[in-house]
């Protein structure tokens, strides 16, 4: 059972980075997965609106995803051999 959920962005150079990590207060932890997913959707809607207003082609989907806090590892990278 997870004690919370974090929103993560997988960066090419630095691997997993949780939202809030760069702040002094640390990683943002959400009580439920649904709450974290709602936060992603809200942020994505704002991003798409800003992209469209500036004349950019909007992103098709968010680059963030939700993982249980106990599975989060800062800087984790997936390397695919194909």
N, C-alpha and C. Protein backbone atom coordinates (compact mmCIF):
# COMPACT_ATOMS: atom_id res chain seq x y z
N UNK A 1 0.84 -1.19 0.00
CA UNK A 1 0.00 0.00 0.00
C UNK A 1 0.88 1.25 0.00
N UNK A 2 0.53 2.17 -0.84
CA UNK A 2 1.31 3.40 -0.95
C UNK A 2 0.89 4.42 0.09
N UNK A 3 1.84 5.20 0.56
CA UNK A 3 1.58 6.26 1.56
C UNK A 3 1.37 7.60 0.89
N UNK A 4 1.29 7.60 -0.40
CA UNK A 4 1.08 8.83 -1.14
C UNK A 4 1.49 8.63 -2.59
N UNK A 5 1.22 9.66 -3.37
CA UNK A 5 1.50 9.62 -4.80
C UNK A 5 2.27 10.86 -5.20
N UNK A 6 3.17 10.73 -6.17
CA UNK A 6 3.92 11.87 -6.67
C UNK A 6 3.74 11.96 -8.18
N UNK A 7 3.86 13.18 -8.68
CA UNK A 7 3.81 13.43 -10.12
C UNK A 7 5.25 13.54 -10.60
N UNK A 8 5.56 12.79 -11.65
CA UNK A 8 6.93 12.68 -12.13
C UNK A 8 7.00 13.04 -13.60
N UNK A 9 8.08 13.71 -13.98
CA UNK A 9 8.41 13.95 -15.37
C UNK A 9 9.70 13.20 -15.64
N UNK A 10 9.75 12.47 -16.74
CA UNK A 10 10.94 11.71 -17.10
C UNK A 10 11.77 12.53 -18.06
N UNK A 11 12.87 13.08 -17.58
CA UNK A 11 13.73 13.91 -18.43
C UNK A 11 14.82 13.07 -19.08
N UNK A 12 15.22 13.45 -20.27
CA UNK A 12 16.23 12.71 -21.00
C UNK A 12 17.58 12.70 -20.28
N UNK A 13 17.98 13.83 -19.76
CA UNK A 13 19.30 13.94 -19.14
C UNK A 13 19.34 13.54 -17.66
N UNK A 14 18.30 13.89 -16.92
CA UNK A 14 18.35 13.70 -15.47
C UNK A 14 17.41 12.63 -14.94
N UNK A 15 16.69 11.95 -15.80
CA UNK A 15 15.78 10.91 -15.35
C UNK A 15 14.56 11.49 -14.65
N UNK A 16 13.95 10.70 -13.78
CA UNK A 16 12.73 11.12 -13.09
C UNK A 16 12.96 12.34 -12.21
N UNK A 17 12.06 13.30 -12.32
CA UNK A 17 12.07 14.48 -11.48
C UNK A 17 10.65 14.70 -10.98
N UNK A 18 10.45 14.70 -9.68
CA UNK A 18 9.11 14.88 -9.10
C UNK A 18 8.78 16.36 -9.02
N UNK A 19 7.48 16.65 -9.19
CA UNK A 19 7.03 18.03 -9.03
C UNK A 19 7.32 18.50 -7.62
N UNK A 20 7.83 19.71 -7.50
CA UNK A 20 8.11 20.30 -6.20
C UNK A 20 9.51 20.02 -5.70
N UNK A 21 10.24 19.17 -6.38
CA UNK A 21 11.57 18.78 -5.93
C UNK A 21 12.54 19.96 -5.86
N UNK A 22 12.38 20.93 -6.76
CA UNK A 22 13.30 22.05 -6.79
C UNK A 22 12.98 23.09 -5.71
N UNK A 23 11.83 22.94 -5.05
CA UNK A 23 11.46 23.86 -3.97
C UNK A 23 12.10 23.43 -2.66
N UNK A 24 12.22 24.36 -1.75
CA UNK A 24 12.80 24.08 -0.44
C UNK A 24 11.95 23.09 0.36
N UNK A 25 10.65 23.04 0.07
CA UNK A 25 9.76 22.17 0.82
C UNK A 25 9.79 20.73 0.31
N UNK A 26 10.39 20.47 -0.82
CA UNK A 26 10.54 19.11 -1.32
C UNK A 26 9.41 18.63 -2.21
N UNK A 27 9.40 17.33 -2.44
CA UNK A 27 8.47 16.67 -3.34
C UNK A 27 7.03 16.89 -2.91
N UNK A 28 6.16 17.20 -3.88
CA UNK A 28 4.72 17.33 -3.60
C UNK A 28 4.13 15.93 -3.53
N UNK A 29 3.47 15.61 -2.41
CA UNK A 29 2.86 14.30 -2.22
C UNK A 29 1.35 14.47 -2.18
N UNK A 30 0.65 13.63 -2.96
CA UNK A 30 -0.81 13.68 -3.05
C UNK A 30 -1.39 12.47 -2.31
N UNK A 31 -2.53 12.67 -1.70
CA UNK A 31 -3.16 11.61 -0.90
C UNK A 31 -3.68 10.48 -1.77
N UNK A 32 -4.20 10.81 -2.95
CA UNK A 32 -4.75 9.77 -3.83
C UNK A 32 -4.19 9.91 -5.23
N UNK A 33 -4.25 8.81 -5.96
CA UNK A 33 -3.81 8.82 -7.35
C UNK A 33 -4.70 9.74 -8.17
N UNK A 34 -6.00 9.71 -7.90
CA UNK A 34 -6.96 10.55 -8.63
C UNK A 34 -6.65 12.03 -8.44
N UNK A 35 -6.28 12.42 -7.24
CA UNK A 35 -5.93 13.82 -6.95
C UNK A 35 -4.71 14.23 -7.77
N UNK A 36 -3.71 13.37 -7.83
CA UNK A 36 -2.49 13.68 -8.59
C UNK A 36 -2.79 13.75 -10.09
N UNK A 37 -3.61 12.82 -10.59
CA UNK A 37 -3.96 12.83 -12.00
C UNK A 37 -4.75 14.09 -12.37
N UNK A 38 -5.61 14.54 -11.48
CA UNK A 38 -6.36 15.77 -11.71
C UNK A 38 -5.41 16.97 -11.79
N UNK A 39 -4.40 16.98 -10.95
CA UNK A 39 -3.41 18.06 -10.97
C UNK A 39 -2.66 18.08 -12.30
N UNK A 40 -2.32 16.91 -12.82
CA UNK A 40 -1.66 16.83 -14.13
C UNK A 40 -2.56 17.40 -15.22
N UNK A 41 -3.82 16.99 -15.20
CA UNK A 41 -4.76 17.47 -16.22
C UNK A 41 -4.94 18.99 -16.16
N UNK A 42 -5.05 19.54 -14.96
CA UNK A 42 -5.19 20.99 -14.82
C UNK A 42 -3.97 21.72 -15.38
N UNK A 43 -2.78 21.24 -15.04
CA UNK A 43 -1.54 21.86 -15.52
C UNK A 43 -1.42 21.72 -17.03
N UNK A 44 -1.83 20.56 -17.56
CA UNK A 44 -1.74 20.33 -19.00
C UNK A 44 -2.70 21.24 -19.77
N UNK A 45 -3.90 21.43 -19.25
CA UNK A 45 -4.86 22.33 -19.89
C UNK A 45 -4.31 23.76 -19.95
N UNK A 46 -3.66 24.20 -18.87
CA UNK A 46 -3.05 25.54 -18.87
C UNK A 46 -1.93 25.62 -19.90
N UNK A 47 -1.10 24.57 -19.98
CA UNK A 47 0.00 24.54 -20.93
C UNK A 47 -0.52 24.63 -22.36
N UNK A 48 -1.52 23.82 -22.69
CA UNK A 48 -2.08 23.81 -24.05
C UNK A 48 -2.68 25.17 -24.38
N UNK A 49 -3.40 25.76 -23.45
CA UNK A 49 -3.99 27.08 -23.68
C UNK A 49 -2.89 28.12 -23.96
N UNK A 50 -1.83 28.09 -23.19
CA UNK A 50 -0.73 29.04 -23.40
C UNK A 50 -0.03 28.79 -24.73
N UNK A 51 0.14 27.53 -25.11
CA UNK A 51 0.77 27.22 -26.38
C UNK A 51 -0.07 27.74 -27.55
N UNK A 52 -1.37 27.52 -27.46
CA UNK A 52 -2.26 27.97 -28.54
C UNK A 52 -2.30 29.49 -28.63
N UNK A 53 -2.32 30.17 -27.49
CA UNK A 53 -2.35 31.64 -27.49
C UNK A 53 -1.07 32.23 -28.08
N UNK A 54 0.04 31.52 -27.94
CA UNK A 54 1.30 32.03 -28.48
C UNK A 54 1.57 31.55 -29.90
N UNK A 55 0.59 30.82 -30.49
CA UNK A 55 0.73 30.38 -31.86
C UNK A 55 1.50 29.09 -32.05
N UNK A 56 1.84 28.42 -30.96
CA UNK A 56 2.56 27.15 -31.04
C UNK A 56 1.60 26.01 -31.30
N UNK A 57 2.13 24.94 -31.83
CA UNK A 57 1.36 23.70 -31.97
C UNK A 57 1.26 23.09 -30.56
N UNK A 58 0.04 22.84 -30.07
CA UNK A 58 -0.08 22.34 -28.70
C UNK A 58 0.36 20.88 -28.56
N UNK A 59 0.88 20.55 -27.39
CA UNK A 59 1.23 19.17 -27.07
C UNK A 59 -0.03 18.31 -27.14
N UNK A 60 0.14 17.05 -27.46
CA UNK A 60 -0.99 16.13 -27.59
C UNK A 60 -1.35 15.45 -26.27
N UNK A 61 -0.35 15.28 -25.41
CA UNK A 61 -0.60 14.64 -24.12
C UNK A 61 0.43 15.11 -23.11
N UNK A 62 0.11 14.99 -21.83
CA UNK A 62 1.05 15.44 -20.79
C UNK A 62 2.31 14.57 -20.78
N UNK A 63 3.42 15.16 -20.36
CA UNK A 63 4.65 14.37 -20.23
C UNK A 63 4.87 13.91 -18.79
N UNK A 64 3.95 14.23 -17.91
CA UNK A 64 4.05 13.83 -16.51
C UNK A 64 3.16 12.61 -16.26
N UNK A 65 3.51 11.85 -15.24
CA UNK A 65 2.72 10.69 -14.87
C UNK A 65 2.79 10.50 -13.35
N UNK A 66 1.94 9.64 -12.83
CA UNK A 66 1.81 9.45 -11.39
C UNK A 66 2.43 8.11 -10.99
N UNK A 67 3.23 8.13 -9.92
CA UNK A 67 3.77 6.90 -9.34
C UNK A 67 3.58 6.92 -7.83
N UNK A 68 3.48 5.74 -7.23
CA UNK A 68 3.41 5.71 -5.77
C UNK A 68 4.70 6.27 -5.16
N UNK A 69 4.58 6.97 -4.07
CA UNK A 69 5.74 7.58 -3.42
C UNK A 69 6.82 6.56 -3.12
N UNK A 70 6.43 5.37 -2.68
CA UNK A 70 7.44 4.37 -2.33
C UNK A 70 8.15 3.75 -3.55
N UNK A 71 7.69 4.06 -4.76
CA UNK A 71 8.36 3.59 -5.98
C UNK A 71 9.17 4.71 -6.65
N UNK A 72 9.06 5.91 -6.12
CA UNK A 72 9.77 7.05 -6.73
C UNK A 72 11.25 7.01 -6.36
N UNK A 73 12.08 7.12 -7.39
CA UNK A 73 13.53 7.23 -7.20
C UNK A 73 14.01 8.40 -8.04
N UNK A 74 14.54 9.43 -7.39
CA UNK A 74 15.03 10.60 -8.13
C UNK A 74 16.10 10.17 -9.11
N UNK A 75 15.95 10.65 -10.36
CA UNK A 75 16.96 10.38 -11.38
C UNK A 75 16.83 9.03 -12.05
N UNK A 76 15.80 8.25 -11.73
CA UNK A 76 15.63 6.93 -12.34
C UNK A 76 15.48 7.10 -13.84
N UNK A 77 16.15 6.24 -14.61
CA UNK A 77 16.08 6.27 -16.06
C UNK A 77 15.76 4.88 -16.57
N UNK A 78 14.97 4.85 -17.61
CA UNK A 78 14.72 3.60 -18.32
C UNK A 78 15.54 3.61 -19.60
N UNK A 79 16.29 2.56 -19.82
CA UNK A 79 17.12 2.46 -21.01
C UNK A 79 16.60 1.29 -21.83
N UNK A 80 16.21 1.57 -23.05
CA UNK A 80 15.63 0.55 -23.92
C UNK A 80 16.67 0.10 -24.92
N UNK A 81 16.82 -1.19 -25.05
CA UNK A 81 17.69 -1.77 -26.07
C UNK A 81 16.78 -2.37 -27.12
N UNK A 82 16.87 -1.89 -28.33
CA UNK A 82 15.94 -2.39 -29.32
C UNK A 82 16.55 -2.62 -30.58
